[in-house]
ModelCIF file with pLDDT and N, C-alpha, C, O atoms, coordinates in Angstrom:
data_MODEL
#
_entry.id   MODEL 
#
_entity.id                         1 
_entity.type                       polymer 
_entity.pdbx_number_of_molecules   1 
#
_entity_poly.entity_id                      1 
_entity_poly.type                           'polypeptide(L)' 
_entity_poly.nstd_linkage                   no 
_entity_poly.nstd_monomer                   no 
_entity_poly.pdbx_seq_one_letter_code       AYLAKHTFFKNNEIFSKKSGRRISAMVPMHTFGHPV 
_entity_poly.pdbx_seq_one_letter_code_can   AYLAKHTFFKNNEIFSKKSGRRISAMVPMHTFGHPV 
_entity_poly.pdbx_strand_id                 A 
#
loop_
_entity_poly_seq.entity_id 
_entity_poly_seq.num 
_entity_poly_seq.mon_id 
_entity_poly_seq.hetero 
1 1  ALA n 
1 2  TYR n 
1 3  LEU n 
1 4  ALA n 
1 5  LYS n 
1 6  HIS n 
1 7  THR n 
1 8  PHE n 
1 9  PHE n 
1 10 LYS n 
1 11 ASN n 
1 12 ASN n 
1 13 GLU n 
1 14 ILE n 
1 15 PHE n 
1 16 SER n 
1 17 LYS n 
1 18 LYS n 
1 19 SER n 
1 20 GLY n 
1 21 ARG n 
1 22 ARG n 
1 23 ILE n 
1 24 SER n 
1 25 ALA n 
1 26 MET n 
1 27 VAL n 
1 28 PRO n 
1 29 MET n 
1 30 HIS n 
1 31 THR n 
1 32 PHE n 
1 33 GLY n 
1 34 HIS n 
1 35 PRO n 
1 36 VAL n 
#
_struct_asym.id          A 
_struct_asym.entity_id   1 
#
loop_
_ma_qa_metric.id 
_ma_qa_metric.mode 
_ma_qa_metric.name 
_ma_qa_metric.software_group_id 
_ma_qa_metric.type 
1 global pLDDT . pLDDT 
2 local  pLDDT . pLDDT 
#
_ma_qa_metric_global.metric_id      1 
_ma_qa_metric_global.metric_value   97.69 
_ma_qa_metric_global.model_id       1 
_ma_qa_metric_global.ordinal_id     1 
#
loop_
_ma_qa_metric_local.label_asym_id 
_ma_qa_metric_local.label_comp_id 
_ma_qa_metric_local.label_seq_id 
_ma_qa_metric_local.metric_id 
_ma_qa_metric_local.metric_value 
_ma_qa_metric_local.model_id 
_ma_qa_metric_local.ordinal_id 
A ALA 1  2 98.00 1 1  
A TYR 2  2 98.00 1 2  
A LEU 3  2 98.00 1 3  
A ALA 4  2 98.00 1 4  
A LYS 5  2 98.00 1 5  
A HIS 6  2 98.00 1 6  
A THR 7  2 98.00 1 7  
A PHE 8  2 98.00 1 8  
A PHE 9  2 97.00 1 9  
A LYS 10 2 96.00 1 10 
A ASN 11 2 95.00 1 11 
A ASN 12 2 95.00 1 12 
A GLU 13 2 97.00 1 13 
A ILE 14 2 98.00 1 14 
A PHE 15 2 98.00 1 15 
A SER 16 2 98.00 1 16 
A LYS 17 2 98.00 1 17 
A LYS 18 2 97.00 1 18 
A SER 19 2 98.00 1 19 
A GLY 20 2 98.00 1 20 
A ARG 21 2 98.00 1 21 
A ARG 22 2 98.00 1 22 
A ILE 23 2 98.00 1 23 
A SER 24 2 98.00 1 24 
A ALA 25 2 98.00 1 25 
A MET 26 2 98.00 1 26 
A VAL 27 2 98.00 1 27 
A PRO 28 2 98.00 1 28 
A MET 29 2 98.00 1 29 
A HIS 30 2 98.00 1 30 
A THR 31 2 98.00 1 31 
A PHE 32 2 98.00 1 32 
A GLY 33 2 98.00 1 33 
A HIS 34 2 98.00 1 34 
A PRO 35 2 98.00 1 35 
A VAL 36 2 98.00 1 36 
#
loop_
_atom_site.group_PDB 
_atom_site.id 
_atom_site.type_symbol 
_atom_site.label_atom_id 
_atom_site.label_alt_id 
_atom_site.label_comp_id 
_atom_site.label_asym_id 
_atom_site.label_entity_id 
_atom_site.label_seq_id 
_atom_site.pdbx_PDB_ins_code 
_atom_site.Cartn_x 
_atom_site.Cartn_y 
_atom_site.Cartn_z 
_atom_site.occupancy 
_atom_site.B_iso_or_equiv 
_atom_site.pdbx_formal_charge 
_atom_site.auth_seq_id 
_atom_site.auth_comp_id 
_atom_site.auth_asym_id 
_atom_site.auth_atom_id 
_atom_site.pdbx_PDB_model_num 
ATOM 1   N N  . ALA A 1 1  ? 0.831  -1.207  0.000   1.00 98.00 ? 1  ALA A N  1 
ATOM 2   C CA . ALA A 1 1  ? 0.000  0.000   0.000   1.00 98.00 ? 1  ALA A CA 1 
ATOM 3   C C  . ALA A 1 1  ? 0.866  1.258   0.000   1.00 98.00 ? 1  ALA A C  1 
ATOM 4   O O  . ALA A 1 1  ? 0.541  2.243   -0.662  1.00 98.00 ? 1  ALA A O  1 
ATOM 5   N N  . TYR A 1 2  ? 1.946  1.217   0.731   1.00 98.00 ? 2  TYR A N  1 
ATOM 6   C CA . TYR A 1 2  ? 2.842  2.375   0.820   1.00 98.00 ? 2  TYR A CA 1 
ATOM 7   C C  . TYR A 1 2  ? 3.508  2.663   -0.518  1.00 98.00 ? 2  TYR A C  1 
ATOM 8   O O  . TYR A 1 2  ? 3.562  3.815   -0.951  1.00 98.00 ? 2  TYR A O  1 
ATOM 9   N N  . LEU A 1 3  ? 4.009  1.634   -1.169  1.00 98.00 ? 3  LEU A N  1 
ATOM 10  C CA . LEU A 1 3  ? 4.674  1.834   -2.459  1.00 98.00 ? 3  LEU A CA 1 
ATOM 11  C C  . LEU A 1 3  ? 3.702  2.311   -3.527  1.00 98.00 ? 3  LEU A C  1 
ATOM 12  O O  . LEU A 1 3  ? 4.055  3.131   -4.375  1.00 98.00 ? 3  LEU A O  1 
ATOM 13  N N  . ALA A 1 4  ? 2.481  1.799   -3.487  1.00 98.00 ? 4  ALA A N  1 
ATOM 14  C CA . ALA A 1 4  ? 1.483  2.212   -4.467  1.00 98.00 ? 4  ALA A CA 1 
ATOM 15  C C  . ALA A 1 4  ? 1.197  3.707   -4.368  1.00 98.00 ? 4  ALA A C  1 
ATOM 16  O O  . ALA A 1 4  ? 0.900  4.359   -5.370  1.00 98.00 ? 4  ALA A O  1 
ATOM 17  N N  . LYS A 1 5  ? 1.288  4.240   -3.165  1.00 98.00 ? 5  LYS A N  1 
ATOM 18  C CA . LYS A 1 5  ? 0.969  5.646   -2.926  1.00 98.00 ? 5  LYS A CA 1 
ATOM 19  C C  . LYS A 1 5  ? 2.169  6.572   -3.098  1.00 98.00 ? 5  LYS A C  1 
ATOM 20  O O  . LYS A 1 5  ? 2.008  7.725   -3.497  1.00 98.00 ? 5  LYS A O  1 
ATOM 21  N N  . HIS A 1 6  ? 3.372  6.078   -2.800  1.00 98.00 ? 6  HIS A N  1 
ATOM 22  C CA . HIS A 1 6  ? 4.524  6.973   -2.665  1.00 98.00 ? 6  HIS A CA 1 
ATOM 23  C C  . HIS A 1 6  ? 5.621  6.765   -3.704  1.00 98.00 ? 6  HIS A C  1 
ATOM 24  O O  . HIS A 1 6  ? 6.716  7.308   -3.560  1.00 98.00 ? 6  HIS A O  1 
ATOM 25  N N  . THR A 1 7  ? 5.343  5.987   -4.746  1.00 98.00 ? 7  THR A N  1 
ATOM 26  C CA . THR A 1 7  ? 6.362  5.775   -5.786  1.00 98.00 ? 7  THR A CA 1 
ATOM 27  C C  . THR A 1 7  ? 5.755  5.987   -7.173  1.00 98.00 ? 7  THR A C  1 
ATOM 28  O O  . THR A 1 7  ? 4.535  6.029   -7.334  1.00 98.00 ? 7  THR A O  1 
ATOM 29  N N  . PHE A 1 8  ? 6.628  6.119   -8.164  1.00 98.00 ? 8  PHE A N  1 
ATOM 30  C CA . PHE A 1 8  ? 6.185  6.203   -9.554  1.00 98.00 ? 8  PHE A CA 1 
ATOM 31  C C  . PHE A 1 8  ? 7.146  5.410   -10.427 1.00 98.00 ? 8  PHE A C  1 
ATOM 32  O O  . PHE A 1 8  ? 8.314  5.230   -10.081 1.00 98.00 ? 8  PHE A O  1 
ATOM 33  N N  . PHE A 1 9  ? 6.645  4.941   -11.555 1.00 97.00 ? 9  PHE A N  1 
ATOM 34  C CA . PHE A 1 9  ? 7.457  4.164   -12.487 1.00 97.00 ? 9  PHE A CA 1 
ATOM 35  C C  . PHE A 1 9  ? 8.100  5.076   -13.527 1.00 97.00 ? 9  PHE A C  1 
ATOM 36  O O  . PHE A 1 9  ? 7.504  6.044   -13.998 1.00 97.00 ? 9  PHE A O  1 
ATOM 37  N N  . LYS A 1 10 ? 9.333  4.730   -13.861 1.00 96.00 ? 10 LYS A N  1 
ATOM 38  C CA . LYS A 1 10 ? 10.040 5.422   -14.937 1.00 96.00 ? 10 LYS A CA 1 
ATOM 39  C C  . LYS A 1 10 ? 11.052 4.443   -15.525 1.00 96.00 ? 10 LYS A C  1 
ATOM 40  O O  . LYS A 1 10 ? 11.891 3.895   -14.809 1.00 96.00 ? 10 LYS A O  1 
ATOM 41  N N  . ASN A 1 11 ? 10.962 4.230   -16.834 1.00 95.00 ? 11 ASN A N  1 
ATOM 42  C CA . ASN A 1 11 ? 11.867 3.288   -17.514 1.00 95.00 ? 11 ASN A CA 1 
ATOM 43  C C  . ASN A 1 11 ? 11.887 1.921   -16.833 1.00 95.00 ? 11 ASN A C  1 
ATOM 44  O O  . ASN A 1 11 ? 12.941 1.306   -16.668 1.00 95.00 ? 11 ASN A O  1 
ATOM 45  N N  . ASN A 1 12 ? 10.702 1.462   -16.442 1.00 95.00 ? 12 ASN A N  1 
ATOM 46  C CA . ASN A 1 12 ? 10.539 0.126   -15.860 1.00 95.00 ? 12 ASN A CA 1 
ATOM 47  C C  . ASN A 1 12 ? 11.175 -0.018  -14.480 1.00 95.00 ? 12 ASN A C  1 
ATOM 48  O O  . ASN A 1 12 ? 11.440 -1.138  -14.043 1.00 95.00 ? 12 ASN A O  1 
ATOM 49  N N  . GLU A 1 13 ? 11.423 1.080   -13.794 1.00 97.00 ? 13 GLU A N  1 
ATOM 50  C CA . GLU A 1 13 ? 11.954 1.072   -12.430 1.00 97.00 ? 13 GLU A CA 1 
ATOM 51  C C  . GLU A 1 13 ? 11.073 1.974   -11.579 1.00 97.00 ? 13 GLU A C  1 
ATOM 52  O O  . GLU A 1 13 ? 10.330 2.800   -12.110 1.00 97.00 ? 13 GLU A O  1 
ATOM 53  N N  . ILE A 1 14 ? 11.152 1.818   -10.237 1.00 98.00 ? 14 ILE A N  1 
ATOM 54  C CA . ILE A 1 14 ? 10.333 2.683   -9.385  1.00 98.00 ? 14 ILE A CA 1 
ATOM 55  C C  . ILE A 1 14 ? 11.211 3.713   -8.687  1.00 98.00 ? 14 ILE A C  1 
ATOM 56  O O  . ILE A 1 14 ? 12.381 3.478   -8.385  1.00 98.00 ? 14 ILE A O  1 
ATOM 57  N N  . PHE A 1 15 ? 10.589 4.869   -8.444  1.00 98.00 ? 15 PHE A N  1 
ATOM 58  C CA . PHE A 1 15 ? 11.271 5.986   -7.820  1.00 98.00 ? 15 PHE A CA 1 
ATOM 59  C C  . PHE A 1 15 ? 10.397 6.559   -6.711  1.00 98.00 ? 15 PHE A C  1 
ATOM 60  O O  . PHE A 1 15 ? 9.169  6.511   -6.783  1.00 98.00 ? 15 PHE A O  1 
ATOM 61  N N  . SER A 1 16 ? 11.034 7.089   -5.704  1.00 98.00 ? 16 SER A N  1 
ATOM 62  C CA . SER A 1 16 ? 10.322 7.727   -4.607  1.00 98.00 ? 16 SER A CA 1 
ATOM 63  C C  . SER A 1 16 ? 9.779  9.078   -5.060  1.00 98.00 ? 16 SER A C  1 
ATOM 64  O O  . SER A 1 16 ? 10.516 9.886   -5.625  1.00 98.00 ? 16 SER A O  1 
ATOM 65  N N  . LYS A 1 17 ? 8.487  9.326   -4.814  1.00 98.00 ? 17 LYS A N  1 
ATOM 66  C CA . LYS A 1 17 ? 7.903  10.616  -5.145  1.00 98.00 ? 17 LYS A CA 1 
ATOM 67  C C  . LYS A 1 17 ? 8.519  11.733  -4.310  1.00 98.00 ? 17 LYS A C  1 
ATOM 68  O O  . LYS A 1 17 ? 8.628  12.868  -4.775  1.00 98.00 ? 17 LYS A O  1 
ATOM 69  N N  . LYS A 1 18 ? 8.921  11.420  -3.088  1.00 97.00 ? 18 LYS A N  1 
ATOM 70  C CA . LYS A 1 18 ? 9.444  12.447  -2.192  1.00 97.00 ? 18 LYS A CA 1 
ATOM 71  C C  . LYS A 1 18 ? 10.883 12.822  -2.522  1.00 97.00 ? 18 LYS A C  1 
ATOM 72  O O  . LYS A 1 18 ? 11.214 14.004  -2.615  1.00 97.00 ? 18 LYS A O  1 
ATOM 73  N N  . SER A 1 19 ? 11.747 11.808  -2.700  1.00 98.00 ? 19 SER A N  1 
ATOM 74  C CA . SER A 1 19 ? 13.176 12.079  -2.893  1.00 98.00 ? 19 SER A CA 1 
ATOM 75  C C  . SER A 1 19 ? 13.597 12.092  -4.352  1.00 98.00 ? 19 SER A C  1 
ATOM 76  O O  . SER A 1 19 ? 14.614 12.687  -4.710  1.00 98.00 ? 19 SER A O  1 
ATOM 77  N N  . GLY A 1 20 ? 12.803 11.428  -5.198  1.00 98.00 ? 20 GLY A N  1 
ATOM 78  C CA . GLY A 1 20 ? 13.176 11.290  -6.605  1.00 98.00 ? 20 GLY A CA 1 
ATOM 79  C C  . GLY A 1 20 ? 14.202 10.204  -6.868  1.00 98.00 ? 20 GLY A C  1 
ATOM 80  O O  . GLY A 1 20 ? 14.611 9.992   -8.010  1.00 98.00 ? 20 GLY A O  1 
ATOM 81  N N  . ARG A 1 21 ? 14.622 9.512   -5.804  1.00 98.00 ? 21 ARG A N  1 
ATOM 82  C CA . ARG A 1 21 ? 15.648 8.478   -5.971  1.00 98.00 ? 21 ARG A CA 1 
ATOM 83  C C  . ARG A 1 21 ? 15.030 7.147   -6.390  1.00 98.00 ? 21 ARG A C  1 
ATOM 84  O O  . ARG A 1 21 ? 13.877 6.845   -6.083  1.00 98.00 ? 21 ARG A O  1 
ATOM 85  N N  . ARG A 1 22 ? 15.839 6.364   -7.102  1.00 98.00 ? 22 ARG A N  1 
ATOM 86  C CA . ARG A 1 22 ? 15.427 5.012   -7.486  1.00 98.00 ? 22 ARG A CA 1 
ATOM 87  C C  . ARG A 1 22 ? 15.370 4.130   -6.240  1.00 98.00 ? 22 ARG A C  1 
ATOM 88  O O  . ARG A 1 22 ? 16.253 4.192   -5.384  1.00 98.00 ? 22 ARG A O  1 
ATOM 89  N N  . ILE A 1 23 ? 14.324 3.308   -6.146  1.00 98.00 ? 23 ILE A N  1 
ATOM 90  C CA . ILE A 1 23 ? 14.244 2.269   -5.112  1.00 98.00 ? 23 ILE A CA 1 
ATOM 91  C C  . ILE A 1 23 ? 14.547 0.955   -5.817  1.00 98.00 ? 23 ILE A C  1 
ATOM 92  O O  . ILE A 1 23 ? 13.758 0.492   -6.640  1.00 98.00 ? 23 ILE A O  1 
ATOM 93  N N  . SER A 1 24 ? 15.687 0.355   -5.495  1.00 98.00 ? 24 SER A N  1 
ATOM 94  C CA . SER A 1 24 ? 16.169 -0.756  -6.319  1.00 98.00 ? 24 SER A CA 1 
ATOM 95  C C  . SER A 1 24 ? 15.972 -2.137  -5.716  1.00 98.00 ? 24 SER A C  1 
ATOM 96  O O  . SER A 1 24 ? 15.978 -3.131  -6.442  1.00 98.00 ? 24 SER A O  1 
ATOM 97  N N  . ALA A 1 25 ? 15.798 -2.221  -4.399  1.00 98.00 ? 25 ALA A N  1 
ATOM 98  C CA . ALA A 1 25 ? 15.778 -3.554  -3.782  1.00 98.00 ? 25 ALA A CA 1 
ATOM 99  C C  . ALA A 1 25 ? 15.060 -3.526  -2.444  1.00 98.00 ? 25 ALA A C  1 
ATOM 100 O O  . ALA A 1 25 ? 14.861 -2.470  -1.843  1.00 98.00 ? 25 ALA A O  1 
ATOM 101 N N  . MET A 1 26 ? 14.680 -4.705  -1.999  1.00 98.00 ? 26 MET A N  1 
ATOM 102 C CA . MET A 1 26 ? 14.183 -4.892  -0.627  1.00 98.00 ? 26 MET A CA 1 
ATOM 103 C C  . MET A 1 26 ? 15.013 -5.967  0.059   1.00 98.00 ? 26 MET A C  1 
ATOM 104 O O  . MET A 1 26 ? 15.532 -6.881  -0.582  1.00 98.00 ? 26 MET A O  1 
ATOM 105 N N  . VAL A 1 27 ? 15.126 -5.835  1.386   1.00 98.00 ? 27 VAL A N  1 
ATOM 106 C CA . VAL A 1 27 ? 15.893 -6.794  2.175   1.00 98.00 ? 27 VAL A CA 1 
ATOM 107 C C  . VAL A 1 27 ? 15.030 -7.283  3.338   1.00 98.00 ? 27 VAL A C  1 
ATOM 108 O O  . VAL A 1 27 ? 15.158 -6.766  4.448   1.00 98.00 ? 27 VAL A O  1 
ATOM 109 N N  . PRO A 1 28 ? 14.154 -8.268  3.111   1.00 98.00 ? 28 PRO A N  1 
ATOM 110 C CA . PRO A 1 28 ? 13.398 -8.848  4.227   1.00 98.00 ? 28 PRO A CA 1 
ATOM 111 C C  . PRO A 1 28 ? 14.324 -9.631  5.148   1.00 98.00 ? 28 PRO A C  1 
ATOM 112 O O  . PRO A 1 28 ? 15.209 -10.352 4.686   1.00 98.00 ? 28 PRO A O  1 
ATOM 113 N N  . MET A 1 29 ? 14.118 -9.485  6.439   1.00 98.00 ? 29 MET A N  1 
ATOM 114 C CA . MET A 1 29 ? 14.953 -10.166 7.437   1.00 98.00 ? 29 MET A CA 1 
ATOM 115 C C  . MET A 1 29 ? 14.089 -11.121 8.251   1.00 98.00 ? 29 MET A C  1 
ATOM 116 O O  . MET A 1 29 ? 13.010 -10.755 8.716   1.00 98.00 ? 29 MET A O  1 
ATOM 117 N N  . HIS A 1 30 ? 14.575 -12.348 8.418   1.00 98.00 ? 30 HIS A N  1 
ATOM 118 C CA . HIS A 1 30 ? 13.839 -13.376 9.158   1.00 98.00 ? 30 HIS A CA 1 
ATOM 119 C C  . HIS A 1 30 ? 14.193 -13.238 10.647  1.00 98.00 ? 30 HIS A C  1 
ATOM 120 O O  . HIS A 1 30 ? 15.163 -13.826 11.125  1.00 98.00 ? 30 HIS A O  1 
ATOM 121 N N  . THR A 1 31 ? 13.393 -12.453 11.358  1.00 98.00 ? 31 THR A N  1 
ATOM 122 C CA . THR A 1 31 ? 13.716 -12.018 12.710  1.00 98.00 ? 31 THR A CA 1 
ATOM 123 C C  . THR A 1 31 ? 13.740 -13.171 13.700  1.00 98.00 ? 31 THR A C  1 
ATOM 124 O O  . THR A 1 31 ? 12.758 -13.899 13.852  1.00 98.00 ? 31 THR A O  1 
ATOM 125 N N  . PHE A 1 32 ? 14.874 -13.326 14.370  1.00 98.00 ? 32 PHE A N  1 
ATOM 126 C CA . PHE A 1 32 ? 15.096 -14.378 15.378  1.00 98.00 ? 32 PHE A CA 1 
ATOM 127 C C  . PHE A 1 32 ? 14.866 -15.779 14.819  1.00 98.00 ? 32 PHE A C  1 
ATOM 128 O O  . PHE A 1 32 ? 14.616 -16.726 15.565  1.00 98.00 ? 32 PHE A O  1 
ATOM 129 N N  . GLY A 1 33 ? 14.955 -15.894 13.490  1.00 98.00 ? 33 GLY A N  1 
ATOM 130 C CA . GLY A 1 33 ? 14.774 -17.185 12.841  1.00 98.00 ? 33 GLY A CA 1 
ATOM 131 C C  . GLY A 1 33 ? 13.365 -17.443 12.356  1.00 98.00 ? 33 GLY A C  1 
ATOM 132 O O  . GLY A 1 33 ? 13.108 -18.487 11.756  1.00 98.00 ? 33 GLY A O  1 
ATOM 133 N N  . HIS A 1 34 ? 12.430 -16.512 12.600  1.00 98.00 ? 34 HIS A N  1 
ATOM 134 C CA . HIS A 1 34 ? 11.041 -16.696 12.176  1.00 98.00 ? 34 HIS A CA 1 
ATOM 135 C C  . HIS A 1 34 ? 10.861 -16.183 10.749  1.00 98.00 ? 34 HIS A C  1 
ATOM 136 O O  . HIS A 1 34 ? 11.051 -14.991 10.508  1.00 98.00 ? 34 HIS A O  1 
ATOM 137 N N  . PRO A 1 35 ? 10.504 -17.032 9.807   1.00 98.00 ? 35 PRO A N  1 
ATOM 138 C CA . PRO A 1 35 ? 10.379 -16.602 8.416   1.00 98.00 ? 35 PRO A CA 1 
ATOM 139 C C  . PRO A 1 35 ? 9.282  -15.556 8.206   1.00 98.00 ? 35 PRO A C  1 
ATOM 140 O O  . PRO A 1 35 ? 8.213  -15.619 8.813   1.00 98.00 ? 35 PRO A O  1 
ATOM 141 N N  . VAL A 1 36 ? 9.576  -14.601 7.338   1.00 98.00 ? 36 VAL A N  1 
ATOM 142 C CA . VAL A 1 36 ? 8.558  -13.626 6.937   1.00 98.00 ? 36 VAL A CA 1 
ATOM 143 C C  . VAL A 1 36 ? 7.698  -14.224 5.829   1.00 98.00 ? 36 VAL A C  1 
ATOM 144 O O  . VAL A 1 36 ? 6.776  -13.570 5.341   1.00 98.00 ? 36 VAL A O  1 
#
């Protein structure tokens, strides 16, 4: 929901509406061994 509201697509990549920077990756972390 957050990305749908706060990003835009350009050349098949997403960018932050606020900063204008490319958002290139996510890093999910399996906290204390519990899978996300």
